[in-house]
Amino acid sequence: MKKVKQNGFVLIIVIGAMAVIAIEMSILTHSSNLILFQSQAAYLEACEHNLTESGLAWAKLNIKNENIKNFKETIELKIGEMGIRRAGLSVVADKPTNKQAKIQISTSCSRGRQGLRRRKKYKIEL
């Protein structure tokens, strides 16, 4: 009779331990999903920053060297060599006045289900 009570006690301890492990796994899964989301958001912010800086550098160089023929026209830049998948970069430049040009840079990048699209206007000194 004593052996049956001992086996039942061990079974209850094992079930309790499994419940504790299940709760811990649930908490860890939630934390890892949050970390994954935040890391993807940081990746998108970094990509957007790199695209914007590339667009500004391109605009400054091409406006200064007078390589842009049609101002106020959207120019899609090739970004394949940057290694950013599912991304786009376009620049619209106004005709420069007083050694200053206004440009609009549109960026888009995505990763997984998250996406980031931005359109900002800048003034650059020539």
N, C-alpha and C. Protein backbone atom coordinates (compact mmCIF):
# COMPACT_ATOMS: atom_id res chain seq x y z
N MET A 1 0.82 -1.19 0.00
CA MET A 1 0.00 0.00 0.00
C MET A 1 0.87 1.26 0.00
N LYS A 2 1.99 1.24 0.68
CA LYS A 2 2.87 2.37 0.74
C LYS A 2 3.44 2.72 -0.64
N LYS A 3 3.77 1.73 -1.45
CA LYS A 3 4.34 1.95 -2.77
C LYS A 3 3.35 2.68 -3.68
N VAL A 4 2.07 2.39 -3.59
CA VAL A 4 1.06 3.05 -4.41
C VAL A 4 0.99 4.54 -4.05
N LYS A 5 1.04 4.87 -2.77
CA LYS A 5 1.01 6.26 -2.35
C LYS A 5 2.26 7.00 -2.83
N GLN A 6 3.41 6.36 -2.80
CA GLN A 6 4.64 6.98 -3.27
C GLN A 6 4.58 7.25 -4.77
N ASN A 7 4.08 6.32 -5.56
CA ASN A 7 3.99 6.51 -7.01
C ASN A 7 3.03 7.65 -7.34
N GLY A 8 1.96 7.76 -6.61
CA GLY A 8 1.01 8.84 -6.82
C GLY A 8 1.63 10.19 -6.48
N PHE A 9 2.42 10.24 -5.41
CA PHE A 9 3.09 11.47 -5.01
C PHE A 9 4.09 11.92 -6.08
N VAL A 10 4.85 11.00 -6.62
CA VAL A 10 5.83 11.30 -7.66
C VAL A 10 5.11 11.81 -8.92
N LEU A 11 3.98 11.19 -9.25
CA LEU A 11 3.22 11.61 -10.41
C LEU A 11 2.73 13.05 -10.25
N ILE A 12 2.27 13.41 -9.08
CA ILE A 12 1.81 14.78 -8.82
C ILE A 12 2.97 15.77 -8.93
N ILE A 13 4.14 15.40 -8.42
CA ILE A 13 5.31 16.27 -8.53
C ILE A 13 5.71 16.46 -9.99
N VAL A 14 5.69 15.40 -10.78
CA VAL A 14 6.05 15.48 -12.19
C VAL A 14 5.06 16.38 -12.94
N ILE A 15 3.78 16.22 -12.70
CA ILE A 15 2.77 17.06 -13.35
C ILE A 15 2.94 18.53 -12.95
N GLY A 16 3.22 18.78 -11.68
CA GLY A 16 3.46 20.14 -11.22
C GLY A 16 4.70 20.74 -11.88
N ALA A 17 5.76 19.95 -12.00
CA ALA A 17 6.98 20.44 -12.65
C ALA A 17 6.73 20.74 -14.12
N MET A 18 5.92 19.92 -14.78
CA MET A 18 5.59 20.16 -16.18
C MET A 18 4.79 21.47 -16.34
N ALA A 19 3.90 21.75 -15.39
CA ALA A 19 3.12 22.98 -15.43
C ALA A 19 4.04 24.20 -15.26
N VAL A 20 4.99 24.10 -14.35
CA VAL A 20 5.93 25.20 -14.13
C VAL A 20 6.79 25.42 -15.39
N ILE A 21 7.23 24.36 -16.00
CA ILE A 21 8.03 24.46 -17.23
C ILE A 21 7.21 25.08 -18.35
N ALA A 22 5.95 24.70 -18.46
CA ALA A 22 5.08 25.27 -19.50
C ALA A 22 4.91 26.78 -19.31
N ILE A 23 4.75 27.23 -18.10
CA ILE A 23 4.61 28.66 -17.82
C ILE A 23 5.90 29.39 -18.17
N GLU A 24 7.04 28.82 -17.78
CA GLU A 24 8.33 29.44 -18.10
C GLU A 24 8.56 29.53 -19.61
N MET A 25 8.19 28.49 -20.34
CA MET A 25 8.34 28.50 -21.80
C MET A 25 7.45 29.56 -22.44
N SER A 26 6.27 29.73 -21.90
CA SER A 26 5.36 30.75 -22.42
C SER A 26 5.96 32.14 -22.23
N ILE A 27 6.52 32.40 -21.07
CA ILE A 27 7.14 33.70 -20.79
C ILE A 27 8.35 33.91 -21.69
N LEU A 28 9.19 32.89 -21.85
CA LEU A 28 10.37 33.01 -22.69
C LEU A 28 10.00 33.21 -24.15
N THR A 29 8.95 32.55 -24.62
CA THR A 29 8.51 32.70 -26.00
C THR A 29 8.04 34.13 -26.25
N HIS A 30 7.27 34.67 -25.33
CA HIS A 30 6.81 36.05 -25.47
C HIS A 30 8.00 37.01 -25.50
N SER A 31 8.97 36.80 -24.64
CA SER A 31 10.14 37.68 -24.59
C SER A 31 10.95 37.58 -25.88
N SER A 32 11.11 36.38 -26.40
CA SER A 32 11.89 36.22 -27.63
C SER A 32 11.15 36.84 -28.82
N ASN A 33 9.82 36.75 -28.85
CA ASN A 33 9.06 37.41 -29.92
C ASN A 33 9.21 38.92 -29.85
N LEU A 34 9.21 39.46 -28.65
CA LEU A 34 9.39 40.90 -28.47
C LEU A 34 10.78 41.33 -28.93
N ILE A 35 11.80 40.55 -28.59
CA ILE A 35 13.17 40.85 -29.01
C ILE A 35 13.28 40.78 -30.53
N LEU A 36 12.66 39.79 -31.14
CA LEU A 36 12.67 39.66 -32.59
C LEU A 36 12.02 40.86 -33.26
N PHE A 37 10.88 41.28 -32.75
CA PHE A 37 10.18 42.45 -33.30
C PHE A 37 11.05 43.70 -33.19
N GLN A 38 11.66 43.90 -32.04
CA GLN A 38 12.48 45.08 -31.84
C GLN A 38 13.73 45.06 -32.71
N SER A 39 14.32 43.88 -32.91
CA SER A 39 15.51 43.81 -33.75
C SER A 39 15.16 44.07 -35.21
N GLN A 40 13.99 43.61 -35.66
CA GLN A 40 13.58 43.90 -37.03
C GLN A 40 13.27 45.38 -37.20
N ALA A 41 12.68 46.00 -36.20
CA ALA A 41 12.41 47.44 -36.26
C ALA A 41 13.72 48.23 -36.31
N ALA A 42 14.71 47.82 -35.54
CA ALA A 42 16.02 48.49 -35.56
C ALA A 42 16.69 48.30 -36.92
N TYR A 43 16.56 47.12 -37.51
CA TYR A 43 17.11 46.86 -38.85
C TYR A 43 16.47 47.79 -39.87
N LEU A 44 15.15 47.93 -39.81
CA LEU A 44 14.45 48.80 -40.76
C LEU A 44 14.86 50.26 -40.59
N GLU A 45 15.03 50.70 -39.35
CA GLU A 45 15.47 52.07 -39.10
C GLU A 45 16.87 52.29 -39.68
N ALA A 46 17.76 51.32 -39.50
CA ALA A 46 19.12 51.43 -40.04
C ALA A 46 19.09 51.47 -41.57
N CYS A 47 18.27 50.62 -42.18
CA CYS A 47 18.15 50.61 -43.64
C CYS A 47 17.62 51.95 -44.14
N GLU A 48 16.60 52.48 -43.47
CA GLU A 48 16.02 53.75 -43.87
C GLU A 48 17.06 54.86 -43.76
N HIS A 49 17.84 54.84 -42.71
CA HIS A 49 18.89 55.84 -42.53
C HIS A 49 19.94 55.74 -43.65
N ASN A 50 20.37 54.52 -43.97
CA ASN A 50 21.36 54.32 -45.03
C ASN A 50 20.81 54.77 -46.39
N LEU A 51 19.55 54.46 -46.66
CA LEU A 51 18.95 54.88 -47.92
C LEU A 51 18.86 56.40 -48.01
N THR A 52 18.45 57.03 -46.92
CA THR A 52 18.34 58.48 -46.90
C THR A 52 19.70 59.15 -47.13
N GLU A 53 20.71 58.66 -46.44
CA GLU A 53 22.05 59.23 -46.61
C GLU A 53 22.57 59.02 -48.02
N SER A 54 22.29 57.88 -48.60
CA SER A 54 22.69 57.62 -49.99
C SER A 54 21.99 58.57 -50.94
N GLY A 55 20.70 58.79 -50.72
CA GLY A 55 19.93 59.72 -51.55
C GLY A 55 20.45 61.15 -51.43
N LEU A 56 20.79 61.57 -50.22
CA LEU A 56 21.33 62.91 -50.02
C LEU A 56 22.68 63.07 -50.72
N ALA A 57 23.53 62.07 -50.59
CA ALA A 57 24.85 62.12 -51.24
C ALA A 57 24.69 62.16 -52.76
N TRP A 58 23.80 61.33 -53.29
CA TRP A 58 23.58 61.31 -54.73
C TRP A 58 23.06 62.66 -55.21
N ALA A 59 22.09 63.21 -54.50
CA ALA A 59 21.50 64.49 -54.91
C ALA A 59 22.53 65.61 -54.87
N LYS A 60 23.31 65.66 -53.81
CA LYS A 60 24.30 66.73 -53.69
C LYS A 60 25.32 66.64 -54.82
N LEU A 61 25.80 65.45 -55.11
CA LEU A 61 26.79 65.27 -56.17
C LEU A 61 26.21 65.62 -57.54
N ASN A 62 25.02 65.13 -57.83
CA ASN A 62 24.45 65.34 -59.16
C ASN A 62 23.92 66.76 -59.38
N ILE A 63 23.43 67.41 -58.35
CA ILE A 63 22.97 68.80 -58.50
C ILE A 63 24.19 69.70 -58.66
N LYS A 64 25.22 69.44 -57.87
CA LYS A 64 26.44 70.26 -57.94
C LYS A 64 27.10 70.13 -59.31
N ASN A 65 27.12 68.94 -59.86
CA ASN A 65 27.74 68.70 -61.17
C ASN A 65 26.77 68.93 -62.33
N GLU A 66 25.57 69.37 -62.01
CA GLU A 66 24.53 69.67 -63.01
C GLU A 66 24.21 68.47 -63.89
N ASN A 67 24.14 67.29 -63.29
CA ASN A 67 23.80 66.06 -64.03
C ASN A 67 22.30 65.83 -64.12
N ILE A 68 21.51 66.56 -63.37
CA ILE A 68 20.06 66.38 -63.40
C ILE A 68 19.49 67.28 -64.48
N LYS A 69 18.81 66.69 -65.45
CA LYS A 69 18.25 67.45 -66.58
C LYS A 69 16.85 67.97 -66.27
N ASN A 70 16.01 67.12 -65.71
CA ASN A 70 14.61 67.49 -65.44
C ASN A 70 14.39 67.57 -63.93
N PHE A 71 14.31 68.78 -63.45
CA PHE A 71 14.01 68.95 -62.03
C PHE A 71 12.52 68.68 -61.81
N LYS A 72 12.17 68.40 -60.59
CA LYS A 72 10.80 68.06 -60.18
C LYS A 72 10.33 66.73 -60.76
N GLU A 73 11.24 65.93 -61.28
CA GLU A 73 10.90 64.62 -61.81
C GLU A 73 11.43 63.56 -60.83
N THR A 74 10.62 62.53 -60.59
CA THR A 74 11.03 61.48 -59.66
C THR A 74 12.09 60.61 -60.31
N ILE A 75 13.19 60.45 -59.60
CA ILE A 75 14.30 59.63 -60.09
C ILE A 75 14.44 58.44 -59.15
N GLU A 76 14.24 57.24 -59.70
CA GLU A 76 14.40 55.99 -58.93
C GLU A 76 15.87 55.60 -58.97
N LEU A 77 16.47 55.46 -57.81
CA LEU A 77 17.88 55.09 -57.75
C LEU A 77 18.02 53.58 -57.59
N LYS A 78 19.05 53.03 -58.22
CA LYS A 78 19.32 51.60 -58.11
C LYS A 78 20.07 51.35 -56.80
N ILE A 79 19.54 50.44 -56.01
CA ILE A 79 20.16 50.18 -54.70
C ILE A 79 20.51 48.71 -54.54
N GLY A 80 20.56 47.97 -55.63
CA GLY A 80 20.84 46.54 -55.57
C GLY A 80 22.16 46.21 -54.91
N GLU A 81 23.17 47.03 -55.12
CA GLU A 81 24.49 46.75 -54.56
C GLU A 81 24.58 47.04 -53.06
N MET A 82 23.57 47.69 -52.52
CA MET A 82 23.58 47.96 -51.07
C MET A 82 23.22 46.72 -50.26
N GLY A 83 22.64 45.72 -50.92
CA GLY A 83 22.31 44.48 -50.22
C GLY A 83 21.07 44.56 -49.35
N ILE A 84 20.21 45.52 -49.63
CA ILE A 84 18.97 45.65 -48.86
C ILE A 84 17.85 45.06 -49.70
N ARG A 85 17.27 43.98 -49.24
CA ARG A 85 16.19 43.35 -49.97
C ARG A 85 14.89 44.11 -49.77
N ARG A 86 14.05 44.06 -50.76
CA ARG A 86 12.72 44.68 -50.73
C ARG A 86 12.79 46.13 -50.25
N ALA A 87 13.58 46.92 -50.96
CA ALA A 87 13.75 48.33 -50.60
C ALA A 87 13.68 49.18 -51.85
N GLY A 88 13.37 50.46 -51.66
CA GLY A 88 13.31 51.40 -52.77
C GLY A 88 13.75 52.77 -52.32
N LEU A 89 14.29 53.53 -53.28
CA LEU A 89 14.78 54.87 -53.00
C LEU A 89 14.50 55.76 -54.20
N SER A 90 13.82 56.86 -53.97
CA SER A 90 13.57 57.82 -55.06
C SER A 90 13.84 59.23 -54.56
N VAL A 91 14.28 60.07 -55.50
CA VAL A 91 14.66 61.44 -55.19
C VAL A 91 13.95 62.38 -56.15
N VAL A 92 13.42 63.47 -55.61
CA VAL A 92 12.85 64.55 -56.42
C VAL A 92 13.58 65.82 -56.01
N ALA A 93 14.19 66.47 -56.99
CA ALA A 93 14.98 67.67 -56.68
C ALA A 93 14.34 68.90 -57.32
N ASP A 94 14.36 70.00 -56.58
CA ASP A 94 13.95 71.29 -57.12
C ASP A 94 15.18 71.99 -57.70
N LYS A 95 14.95 72.90 -58.59
CA LYS A 95 16.05 73.66 -59.19
C LYS A 95 16.73 74.46 -58.08
N PRO A 96 18.06 74.39 -58.01
CA PRO A 96 18.77 75.08 -56.93
C PRO A 96 18.69 76.60 -57.06
N THR A 97 18.58 77.25 -55.90
CA THR A 97 18.58 78.70 -55.85
C THR A 97 19.49 79.13 -54.71
N ASN A 98 20.31 80.16 -54.95
CA ASN A 98 21.20 80.71 -53.91
C ASN A 98 22.08 79.64 -53.26
N LYS A 99 22.65 78.78 -54.07
CA LYS A 99 23.54 77.71 -53.60
C LYS A 99 22.86 76.79 -52.60
N GLN A 100 21.56 76.64 -52.76
CA GLN A 100 20.80 75.75 -51.89
C GLN A 100 19.75 75.05 -52.75
N ALA A 101 19.58 73.75 -52.49
CA ALA A 101 18.59 72.98 -53.25
C ALA A 101 17.65 72.27 -52.28
N LYS A 102 16.41 72.17 -52.68
CA LYS A 102 15.42 71.43 -51.90
C LYS A 102 15.21 70.09 -52.60
N ILE A 103 15.27 69.04 -51.82
CA ILE A 103 15.03 67.71 -52.38
C ILE A 103 14.07 66.95 -51.49
N GLN A 104 13.39 66.02 -52.11
CA GLN A 104 12.48 65.14 -51.37
C GLN A 104 12.97 63.71 -51.59
N ILE A 105 13.17 63.00 -50.51
CA ILE A 105 13.65 61.63 -50.58
C ILE A 105 12.57 60.70 -50.06
N SER A 106 12.22 59.71 -50.87
CA SER A 106 11.24 58.70 -50.47
C SER A 106 11.95 57.36 -50.33
N THR A 107 11.81 56.75 -49.17
CA THR A 107 12.44 55.45 -48.93
C THR A 107 11.37 54.44 -48.53
N SER A 108 11.64 53.20 -48.86
CA SER A 108 10.78 52.11 -48.39
C SER A 108 11.63 50.87 -48.22
N CYS A 109 11.40 50.16 -47.14
CA CYS A 109 12.08 48.90 -46.91
C CYS A 109 11.17 48.04 -46.04
N SER A 110 11.30 46.74 -46.21
CA SER A 110 10.47 45.84 -45.42
C SER A 110 11.24 44.57 -45.11
N ARG A 111 10.82 43.94 -44.04
CA ARG A 111 11.43 42.69 -43.61
C ARG A 111 10.35 41.92 -42.86
N GLY A 112 10.09 40.72 -43.31
CA GLY A 112 9.02 39.95 -42.71
C GLY A 112 7.69 40.65 -42.92
N ARG A 113 6.94 40.80 -41.88
CA ARG A 113 5.65 41.51 -41.96
C ARG A 113 5.78 43.00 -41.72
N GLN A 114 6.93 43.43 -41.26
CA GLN A 114 7.12 44.83 -40.95
C GLN A 114 7.60 45.59 -42.18
N GLY A 115 7.15 46.81 -42.30
CA GLY A 115 7.58 47.67 -43.40
C GLY A 115 7.73 49.09 -42.91
N LEU A 116 8.56 49.85 -43.62
CA LEU A 116 8.81 51.23 -43.24
C LEU A 116 8.87 52.06 -44.51
N ARG A 117 8.02 53.07 -44.58
CA ARG A 117 8.01 54.00 -45.72
C ARG A 117 8.10 55.41 -45.17
N ARG A 118 9.00 56.18 -45.75
CA ARG A 118 9.16 57.56 -45.30
C ARG A 118 9.36 58.46 -46.50
N ARG A 119 8.86 59.66 -46.36
CA ARG A 119 9.06 60.70 -47.37
C ARG A 119 9.41 61.98 -46.60
N LYS A 120 10.61 62.48 -46.85
CA LYS A 120 11.07 63.67 -46.13
C LYS A 120 11.66 64.67 -47.12
N LYS A 121 11.57 65.94 -46.74
CA LYS A 121 12.15 67.02 -47.53
C LYS A 121 13.40 67.54 -46.82
N TYR A 122 14.40 67.85 -47.63
CA TYR A 122 15.67 68.32 -47.11
C TYR A 122 16.14 69.53 -47.90
N LYS A 123 16.98 70.34 -47.27
CA LYS A 123 17.68 71.42 -47.96
C LYS A 123 19.15 71.09 -47.88
N ILE A 124 19.82 71.16 -49.02
CA ILE A 124 21.24 70.89 -49.04
C ILE A 124 21.99 72.09 -49.59
N GLU A 125 23.16 72.32 -49.02
CA GLU A 125 24.04 73.40 -49.46
C GLU A 125 24.92 72.87 -50.58
N LEU A 126 25.09 73.67 -51.61
CA LEU A 126 25.93 73.27 -52.74
C LEU A 126 27.26 73.96 -52.72
